[in-house]
Amino acid sequence: MNELKDLYQEVIFDHNRNPRHFGKLAHASCHAEGFNPLCGDKVTVYLKFSDKGEIEDVSFDGSGCAISVATASLMSETLVGKTRAEAEALFERFHSMMMGEEAKKDAAALGKLEVLSGVKEFPSRIKCATLAWHTLLAALKEEKGGISTE
């Protein structure tokens, strides 16, 4: 079990140090900004949709803690090729996992995102892990104004 925990931590550290899909996305179809006033994490999520309605590209920028950056990086890797409905379903699944509601068998459907499951044991960090996801949902729904975790 400790080996698995170590592997999860290694993946989180790697995504924090070398975030994938980081930077502003030129010609984004939509975007949203998110803010966690408790710790100061800020993230902007950019989405570009293909003619088929799939997420063709995704990126994020901002600043935050290791959990916040790693989550946004892992999320961005997972979203490419998903439809809006699939992305929203992924949000629901991830959010349920963070709230401790996700059944073990469904957690496996999250793929690499499951490495963040240990965060739910630290309630003060859950908002760090969900900020990018709430911002994604706002971008998908094309909501105006910034998203706050409070």
N, C-alpha and C. Protein backbone atom coordinates (compact mmCIF):
# COMPACT_ATOMS: atom_id res chain seq x y z
N MET A 1 0.83 -1.21 0.00
CA MET A 1 0.00 0.00 0.00
C MET A 1 0.87 1.25 0.00
N ASN A 2 1.99 1.21 0.75
CA ASN A 2 2.87 2.37 0.78
C ASN A 2 3.51 2.62 -0.59
N GLU A 3 3.77 1.53 -1.35
CA GLU A 3 4.34 1.70 -2.69
C GLU A 3 3.35 2.43 -3.59
N LEU A 4 2.07 2.10 -3.48
CA LEU A 4 1.04 2.76 -4.27
C LEU A 4 0.92 4.23 -3.89
N LYS A 5 0.96 4.50 -2.59
CA LYS A 5 0.91 5.88 -2.10
C LYS A 5 2.11 6.68 -2.61
N ASP A 6 3.29 6.04 -2.59
CA ASP A 6 4.50 6.69 -3.10
C ASP A 6 4.38 7.00 -4.58
N LEU A 7 3.80 6.04 -5.34
CA LEU A 7 3.60 6.25 -6.77
C LEU A 7 2.66 7.42 -7.01
N TYR A 8 1.57 7.47 -6.25
CA TYR A 8 0.61 8.57 -6.38
C TYR A 8 1.29 9.91 -6.10
N GLN A 9 2.09 9.95 -5.04
CA GLN A 9 2.78 11.20 -4.71
C GLN A 9 3.76 11.59 -5.81
N GLU A 10 4.42 10.59 -6.38
CA GLU A 10 5.36 10.87 -7.46
C GLU A 10 4.66 11.47 -8.67
N VAL A 11 3.49 10.95 -9.01
CA VAL A 11 2.72 11.48 -10.14
C VAL A 11 2.30 12.92 -9.85
N ILE A 12 1.82 13.18 -8.64
CA ILE A 12 1.39 14.53 -8.26
C ILE A 12 2.58 15.50 -8.32
N PHE A 13 3.72 15.09 -7.79
CA PHE A 13 4.91 15.96 -7.83
C PHE A 13 5.34 16.23 -9.27
N ASP A 14 5.30 15.20 -10.10
CA ASP A 14 5.69 15.36 -11.50
C ASP A 14 4.78 16.37 -12.21
N HIS A 15 3.48 16.26 -12.02
CA HIS A 15 2.54 17.18 -12.68
C HIS A 15 2.65 18.59 -12.11
N ASN A 16 3.04 18.71 -10.86
CA ASN A 16 3.25 20.04 -10.29
C ASN A 16 4.50 20.68 -10.87
N ARG A 17 5.57 19.91 -10.97
CA ARG A 17 6.84 20.45 -11.47
C ARG A 17 6.81 20.69 -12.98
N ASN A 18 6.10 19.83 -13.70
CA ASN A 18 6.04 19.90 -15.16
C ASN A 18 4.58 19.86 -15.62
N PRO A 19 3.83 20.91 -15.32
CA PRO A 19 2.41 20.87 -15.67
C PRO A 19 2.19 20.77 -17.18
N ARG A 20 1.29 19.86 -17.56
CA ARG A 20 0.94 19.68 -18.97
C ARG A 20 -0.16 20.68 -19.32
N HIS A 21 -0.15 21.10 -20.58
CA HIS A 21 -1.18 22.01 -21.10
C HIS A 21 -1.20 23.33 -20.33
N PHE A 22 -0.04 23.80 -19.89
CA PHE A 22 0.03 25.04 -19.13
C PHE A 22 0.22 26.22 -20.08
N GLY A 23 -0.53 27.28 -19.87
CA GLY A 23 -0.41 28.50 -20.64
C GLY A 23 -1.75 28.87 -21.25
N LYS A 24 -1.82 30.08 -21.73
CA LYS A 24 -3.06 30.57 -22.34
C LYS A 24 -3.25 29.90 -23.69
N LEU A 25 -4.46 29.47 -23.99
CA LEU A 25 -4.77 28.81 -25.25
C LEU A 25 -5.29 29.86 -26.25
N ALA A 26 -4.53 30.03 -27.33
CA ALA A 26 -4.97 30.96 -28.37
C ALA A 26 -6.23 30.43 -29.04
N HIS A 27 -7.13 31.29 -29.37
CA HIS A 27 -8.36 30.95 -30.07
C HIS A 27 -9.24 29.96 -29.30
N ALA A 28 -9.29 30.13 -27.98
CA ALA A 28 -10.14 29.26 -27.15
C ALA A 28 -11.61 29.51 -27.48
N SER A 29 -12.41 28.45 -27.44
CA SER A 29 -13.85 28.56 -27.65
C SER A 29 -14.51 29.20 -26.43
N CYS A 30 -13.98 28.88 -25.25
CA CYS A 30 -14.51 29.44 -24.02
C CYS A 30 -13.45 29.34 -22.93
N HIS A 31 -13.64 30.09 -21.89
CA HIS A 31 -12.72 30.03 -20.75
C HIS A 31 -13.44 30.51 -19.50
N ALA A 32 -12.86 30.23 -18.34
CA ALA A 32 -13.40 30.72 -17.07
C ALA A 32 -12.24 30.87 -16.09
N GLU A 33 -12.45 31.75 -15.11
CA GLU A 33 -11.44 31.98 -14.08
C GLU A 33 -11.96 31.49 -12.75
N GLY A 34 -11.06 30.89 -11.97
CA GLY A 34 -11.42 30.39 -10.65
C GLY A 34 -10.46 30.90 -9.59
N PHE A 35 -10.97 31.03 -8.37
CA PHE A 35 -10.17 31.57 -7.27
C PHE A 35 -10.55 30.88 -5.98
N ASN A 36 -9.54 30.52 -5.21
CA ASN A 36 -9.75 29.95 -3.88
C ASN A 36 -9.26 30.98 -2.86
N PRO A 37 -10.17 31.75 -2.26
CA PRO A 37 -9.75 32.81 -1.34
C PRO A 37 -9.07 32.29 -0.07
N LEU A 38 -9.26 31.04 0.28
CA LEU A 38 -8.63 30.50 1.49
C LEU A 38 -7.11 30.38 1.35
N CYS A 39 -6.66 30.01 0.17
CA CYS A 39 -5.21 29.81 0.01
C CYS A 39 -4.62 30.69 -1.09
N GLY A 40 -5.47 31.36 -1.88
CA GLY A 40 -4.98 32.26 -2.92
C GLY A 40 -4.75 31.60 -4.27
N ASP A 41 -5.09 30.33 -4.41
CA ASP A 41 -4.93 29.66 -5.70
C ASP A 41 -5.81 30.34 -6.75
N LYS A 42 -5.23 30.53 -7.95
CA LYS A 42 -5.97 31.11 -9.07
C LYS A 42 -5.73 30.24 -10.28
N VAL A 43 -6.78 30.02 -11.06
CA VAL A 43 -6.64 29.23 -12.28
C VAL A 43 -7.61 29.76 -13.33
N THR A 44 -7.14 29.77 -14.57
CA THR A 44 -8.00 30.04 -15.71
C THR A 44 -7.95 28.81 -16.60
N VAL A 45 -9.10 28.30 -16.98
CA VAL A 45 -9.21 27.12 -17.84
C VAL A 45 -9.71 27.56 -19.20
N TYR A 46 -9.00 27.14 -20.25
CA TYR A 46 -9.34 27.46 -21.64
C TYR A 46 -9.71 26.17 -22.36
N LEU A 47 -10.78 26.23 -23.16
CA LEU A 47 -11.22 25.06 -23.94
C LEU A 47 -11.39 25.46 -25.39
N LYS A 48 -11.00 24.55 -26.27
CA LYS A 48 -11.24 24.74 -27.71
C LYS A 48 -11.96 23.50 -28.20
N PHE A 49 -13.13 23.71 -28.80
CA PHE A 49 -13.94 22.59 -29.29
C PHE A 49 -13.74 22.39 -30.79
N SER A 50 -13.80 21.13 -31.20
CA SER A 50 -13.71 20.81 -32.63
C SER A 50 -15.10 20.98 -33.26
N ASP A 51 -15.17 20.84 -34.56
CA ASP A 51 -16.45 20.91 -35.27
C ASP A 51 -17.37 19.77 -34.85
N LYS A 52 -16.80 18.68 -34.35
CA LYS A 52 -17.59 17.53 -33.90
C LYS A 52 -18.11 17.71 -32.47
N GLY A 53 -17.74 18.82 -31.83
CA GLY A 53 -18.20 19.08 -30.47
C GLY A 53 -17.35 18.43 -29.40
N GLU A 54 -16.15 18.00 -29.78
CA GLU A 54 -15.24 17.41 -28.80
C GLU A 54 -14.20 18.45 -28.37
N ILE A 55 -13.68 18.28 -27.19
CA ILE A 55 -12.63 19.18 -26.71
C ILE A 55 -11.36 18.84 -27.51
N GLU A 56 -11.01 19.78 -28.37
CA GLU A 56 -9.85 19.59 -29.24
C GLU A 56 -8.55 19.93 -28.51
N ASP A 57 -8.64 20.95 -27.66
CA ASP A 57 -7.46 21.34 -26.89
C ASP A 57 -7.93 21.99 -25.59
N VAL A 58 -7.12 21.92 -24.59
CA VAL A 58 -7.42 22.50 -23.29
C VAL A 58 -6.12 22.99 -22.68
N SER A 59 -6.19 24.08 -21.95
CA SER A 59 -5.02 24.55 -21.23
C SER A 59 -5.48 25.30 -19.98
N PHE A 60 -4.52 25.57 -19.15
CA PHE A 60 -4.81 26.34 -17.94
C PHE A 60 -3.61 27.21 -17.64
N ASP A 61 -3.84 28.29 -16.92
CA ASP A 61 -2.74 29.06 -16.36
C ASP A 61 -3.19 29.60 -15.01
N GLY A 62 -2.25 30.17 -14.30
CA GLY A 62 -2.53 30.68 -12.96
C GLY A 62 -1.42 30.26 -12.01
N SER A 63 -1.72 30.37 -10.74
CA SER A 63 -0.74 30.00 -9.73
C SER A 63 -1.46 29.33 -8.57
N GLY A 64 -0.76 28.40 -7.95
CA GLY A 64 -1.38 27.70 -6.83
C GLY A 64 -0.43 26.69 -6.21
N CYS A 65 -0.95 25.97 -5.26
CA CYS A 65 -0.17 24.96 -4.56
C CYS A 65 0.04 23.73 -5.45
N ALA A 66 0.85 22.79 -4.97
CA ALA A 66 1.16 21.59 -5.73
C ALA A 66 -0.10 20.80 -6.09
N ILE A 67 -1.03 20.69 -5.18
CA ILE A 67 -2.27 19.94 -5.44
C ILE A 67 -3.08 20.63 -6.52
N SER A 68 -3.20 21.94 -6.43
CA SER A 68 -3.97 22.72 -7.39
C SER A 68 -3.39 22.59 -8.80
N VAL A 69 -2.09 22.76 -8.92
CA VAL A 69 -1.44 22.69 -10.24
C VAL A 69 -1.49 21.26 -10.79
N ALA A 70 -1.19 20.28 -9.95
CA ALA A 70 -1.21 18.88 -10.40
C ALA A 70 -2.61 18.47 -10.86
N THR A 71 -3.62 18.91 -10.13
CA THR A 71 -4.99 18.59 -10.51
C THR A 71 -5.34 19.19 -11.86
N ALA A 72 -5.01 20.45 -12.07
CA ALA A 72 -5.31 21.10 -13.35
C ALA A 72 -4.56 20.41 -14.49
N SER A 73 -3.33 20.01 -14.23
CA SER A 73 -2.53 19.32 -15.25
C SER A 73 -3.14 17.96 -15.59
N LEU A 74 -3.46 17.17 -14.58
CA LEU A 74 -4.06 15.85 -14.80
C LEU A 74 -5.42 15.99 -15.48
N MET A 75 -6.19 16.97 -15.05
CA MET A 75 -7.51 17.21 -15.64
C MET A 75 -7.37 17.53 -17.13
N SER A 76 -6.42 18.40 -17.46
CA SER A 76 -6.27 18.81 -18.86
C SER A 76 -5.86 17.64 -19.74
N GLU A 77 -5.04 16.75 -19.24
CA GLU A 77 -4.65 15.56 -20.02
C GLU A 77 -5.85 14.67 -20.29
N THR A 78 -6.75 14.61 -19.35
CA THR A 78 -7.89 13.71 -19.44
C THR A 78 -8.98 14.23 -20.36
N LEU A 79 -9.09 15.53 -20.51
CA LEU A 79 -10.24 16.12 -21.22
C LEU A 79 -10.17 16.09 -22.74
N VAL A 80 -8.98 16.03 -23.30
CA VAL A 80 -8.86 16.09 -24.77
C VAL A 80 -9.63 14.92 -25.39
N GLY A 81 -10.51 15.26 -26.35
CA GLY A 81 -11.31 14.26 -27.05
C GLY A 81 -12.68 14.01 -26.43
N LYS A 82 -12.94 14.61 -25.26
CA LYS A 82 -14.24 14.42 -24.59
C LYS A 82 -15.26 15.43 -25.11
N THR A 83 -16.52 15.06 -25.10
CA THR A 83 -17.62 15.98 -25.41
C THR A 83 -17.94 16.78 -24.14
N ARG A 84 -18.79 17.79 -24.28
CA ARG A 84 -19.22 18.55 -23.09
C ARG A 84 -19.86 17.61 -22.07
N ALA A 85 -20.74 16.74 -22.54
CA ALA A 85 -21.45 15.82 -21.63
C ALA A 85 -20.46 14.88 -20.94
N GLU A 86 -19.47 14.40 -21.67
CA GLU A 86 -18.47 13.51 -21.06
C GLU A 86 -17.63 14.27 -20.04
N ALA A 87 -17.28 15.52 -20.35
CA ALA A 87 -16.50 16.33 -19.43
C ALA A 87 -17.30 16.62 -18.15
N GLU A 88 -18.59 16.91 -18.31
CA GLU A 88 -19.44 17.16 -17.14
C GLU A 88 -19.60 15.89 -16.30
N ALA A 89 -19.71 14.75 -16.96
CA ALA A 89 -19.80 13.48 -16.23
C ALA A 89 -18.50 13.20 -15.47
N LEU A 90 -17.38 13.55 -16.08
CA LEU A 90 -16.09 13.38 -15.41
C LEU A 90 -15.99 14.29 -14.20
N PHE A 91 -16.49 15.53 -14.34
CA PHE A 91 -16.54 16.45 -13.19
C PHE A 91 -17.32 15.80 -12.05
N GLU A 92 -18.49 15.27 -12.35
CA GLU A 92 -19.34 14.66 -11.31
C GLU A 92 -18.62 13.49 -10.63
N ARG A 93 -17.97 12.67 -11.43
CA ARG A 93 -17.26 11.51 -10.89
C ARG A 93 -16.10 11.96 -9.98
N PHE A 94 -15.33 12.96 -10.46
CA PHE A 94 -14.20 13.45 -9.67
C PHE A 94 -14.69 14.10 -8.38
N HIS A 95 -15.73 14.93 -8.52
CA HIS A 95 -16.27 15.62 -7.34
C HIS A 95 -16.78 14.61 -6.32
N SER A 96 -17.45 13.57 -6.78
CA SER A 96 -17.94 12.53 -5.87
C SER A 96 -16.78 11.84 -5.16
N MET A 97 -15.70 11.57 -5.91
CA MET A 97 -14.53 10.95 -5.29
C MET A 97 -13.97 11.85 -4.19
N MET A 98 -13.88 13.15 -4.45
CA MET A 98 -13.33 14.08 -3.46
C MET A 98 -14.22 14.18 -2.23
N MET A 99 -15.52 14.02 -2.43
CA MET A 99 -16.46 14.11 -1.31
C MET A 99 -16.61 12.75 -0.61
N GLY A 100 -15.87 11.74 -1.10
CA GLY A 100 -15.94 10.43 -0.47
C GLY A 100 -17.18 9.64 -0.83
N GLU A 101 -17.84 10.03 -1.93
CA GLU A 101 -19.08 9.39 -2.34
C GLU A 101 -18.87 8.36 -3.44
N GLU A 102 -17.72 8.40 -4.09
CA GLU A 102 -17.47 7.53 -5.23
C GLU A 102 -17.21 6.10 -4.78
N ALA A 103 -17.96 5.17 -5.36
CA ALA A 103 -17.73 3.75 -5.07
C ALA A 103 -16.36 3.36 -5.62
N LYS A 104 -15.70 2.45 -4.95
CA LYS A 104 -14.36 2.03 -5.33
C LYS A 104 -14.29 1.61 -6.81
N LYS A 105 -15.28 0.84 -7.29
CA LYS A 105 -15.22 0.37 -8.67
C LYS A 105 -15.33 1.52 -9.67
N ASP A 106 -16.09 2.56 -9.34
CA ASP A 106 -16.21 3.70 -10.24
C ASP A 106 -14.98 4.58 -10.22
N ALA A 107 -14.26 4.57 -9.11
CA ALA A 107 -13.06 5.39 -9.00
C ALA A 107 -12.04 4.97 -10.05
N ALA A 108 -12.01 3.68 -10.39
CA ALA A 108 -11.08 3.21 -11.41
C ALA A 108 -11.37 3.84 -12.76
N ALA A 109 -12.62 4.23 -13.02
CA ALA A 109 -12.99 4.87 -14.28
C ALA A 109 -12.36 6.25 -14.42
N LEU A 110 -11.82 6.78 -13.35
CA LEU A 110 -11.17 8.09 -13.40
C LEU A 110 -9.76 8.02 -13.97
N GLY A 111 -9.24 6.82 -14.13
CA GLY A 111 -7.89 6.68 -14.67
C GLY A 111 -6.85 7.34 -13.78
N LYS A 112 -5.97 8.11 -14.42
CA LYS A 112 -4.88 8.76 -13.68
C LYS A 112 -5.38 9.70 -12.58
N LEU A 113 -6.59 10.21 -12.74
CA LEU A 113 -7.13 11.15 -11.76
C LEU A 113 -7.28 10.52 -10.38
N GLU A 114 -7.30 9.19 -10.35
CA GLU A 114 -7.44 8.50 -9.07
C GLU A 114 -6.26 8.78 -8.14
N VAL A 115 -5.12 9.21 -8.69
CA VAL A 115 -3.97 9.50 -7.84
C VAL A 115 -4.27 10.61 -6.84
N LEU A 116 -5.32 11.39 -7.13
CA LEU A 116 -5.69 12.49 -6.24
C LEU A 116 -6.66 12.06 -5.14
N SER A 117 -7.02 10.79 -5.12
CA SER A 117 -8.01 10.32 -4.14
C SER A 117 -7.56 10.52 -2.69
N GLY A 118 -6.26 10.49 -2.44
CA GLY A 118 -5.74 10.68 -1.09
C GLY A 118 -5.99 12.07 -0.53
N VAL A 119 -6.26 13.04 -1.41
CA VAL A 119 -6.48 14.42 -0.97
C VAL A 119 -7.72 14.52 -0.09
N LYS A 120 -8.70 13.65 -0.33
CA LYS A 120 -9.95 13.74 0.43
C LYS A 120 -9.73 13.51 1.93
N GLU A 121 -8.59 12.93 2.28
CA GLU A 121 -8.26 12.73 3.70
C GLU A 121 -7.79 14.01 4.37
N PHE A 122 -7.61 15.06 3.59
CA PHE A 122 -7.18 16.36 4.11
C PHE A 122 -8.20 17.41 3.69
N PRO A 123 -9.28 17.55 4.47
CA PRO A 123 -10.40 18.42 4.07
C PRO A 123 -9.99 19.83 3.65
N SER A 124 -8.96 20.38 4.25
CA SER A 124 -8.56 21.74 3.89
C SER A 124 -7.97 21.81 2.49
N ARG A 125 -7.59 20.68 1.90
CA ARG A 125 -6.99 20.66 0.57
C ARG A 125 -7.98 20.29 -0.54
N ILE A 126 -9.17 19.88 -0.15
CA ILE A 126 -10.15 19.46 -1.16
C ILE A 126 -10.48 20.61 -2.11
N LYS A 127 -10.59 21.81 -1.59
CA LYS A 127 -10.89 22.96 -2.46
C LYS A 127 -9.74 23.23 -3.43
N CYS A 128 -8.52 22.93 -3.01
CA CYS A 128 -7.37 23.07 -3.91
C CYS A 128 -7.51 22.10 -5.08
N ALA A 129 -7.96 20.89 -4.78
CA ALA A 129 -8.09 19.84 -5.80
C ALA A 129 -9.31 20.04 -6.69
N THR A 130 -10.31 20.71 -6.21
CA THR A 130 -11.53 20.86 -7.01
C THR A 130 -11.64 22.21 -7.73
N LEU A 131 -10.75 23.14 -7.41
CA LEU A 131 -10.83 24.48 -8.03
C LEU A 131 -10.82 24.40 -9.56
N ALA A 132 -9.86 23.67 -10.13
CA ALA A 132 -9.78 23.58 -11.60
C ALA A 132 -11.04 22.94 -12.17
N TRP A 133 -11.61 21.99 -11.47
CA TRP A 133 -12.81 21.31 -11.95
C TRP A 133 -14.04 22.22 -11.93
N HIS A 134 -14.19 23.00 -10.86
CA HIS A 134 -15.30 23.95 -10.83
C HIS A 134 -15.12 25.02 -11.91
N THR A 135 -13.88 25.39 -12.16
CA THR A 135 -13.59 26.37 -13.20
C THR A 135 -13.89 25.77 -14.57
N LEU A 136 -13.54 24.50 -14.76
CA LEU A 136 -13.89 23.79 -15.99
C LEU A 136 -15.39 23.82 -16.22
N LEU A 137 -16.15 23.49 -15.20
CA LEU A 137 -17.61 23.45 -15.32
C LEU A 137 -18.16 24.82 -15.72
N ALA A 138 -17.61 25.88 -15.13
CA ALA A 138 -18.03 27.24 -15.50
C ALA A 138 -17.70 27.54 -16.95
N ALA A 139 -16.53 27.08 -17.42
CA ALA A 139 -16.16 27.28 -18.83
C ALA A 139 -17.11 26.51 -19.74
N LEU A 140 -17.43 25.28 -19.37
CA LEU A 140 -18.34 24.47 -20.19
C LEU A 140 -19.71 25.11 -20.30
N LYS A 141 -20.15 25.73 -19.22
CA LYS A 141 -21.47 26.37 -19.21
C LYS A 141 -21.41 27.82 -19.64
N GLU A 142 -20.19 28.26 -19.98
CA GLU A 142 -19.94 29.63 -20.45
C GLU A 142 -20.50 30.65 -19.48
N GLU A 143 -20.27 30.41 -18.19
CA GLU A 143 -20.71 31.33 -17.15
C GLU A 143 -19.78 32.53 -17.11
N LYS A 144 -20.34 33.67 -16.93
CA LYS A 144 -19.55 34.90 -16.85
C LYS A 144 -19.22 35.19 -15.39
N GLY A 145 -18.10 35.89 -15.20
CA GLY A 145 -17.67 36.20 -13.84
C GLY A 145 -16.77 35.11 -13.29
N GLY A 146 -16.04 35.42 -12.27
CA GLY A 146 -15.11 34.46 -11.70
C GLY A 146 -15.80 33.46 -10.79
N ILE A 147 -15.22 32.27 -10.72
CA ILE A 147 -15.71 31.21 -9.85
C ILE A 147 -14.91 31.24 -8.56
N SER A 148 -15.57 31.10 -7.44
CA SER A 148 -14.89 31.07 -6.16
C SER A 148 -15.26 29.78 -5.44
N THR A 149 -14.31 29.26 -4.67
CA THR A 149 -14.58 28.07 -3.89
C THR A 149 -15.40 28.40 -2.64
N GLU A 150 -15.61 29.68 -2.37
CA GLU A 150 -16.40 30.09 -1.19
C GLU A 150 -17.77 30.58 -1.61
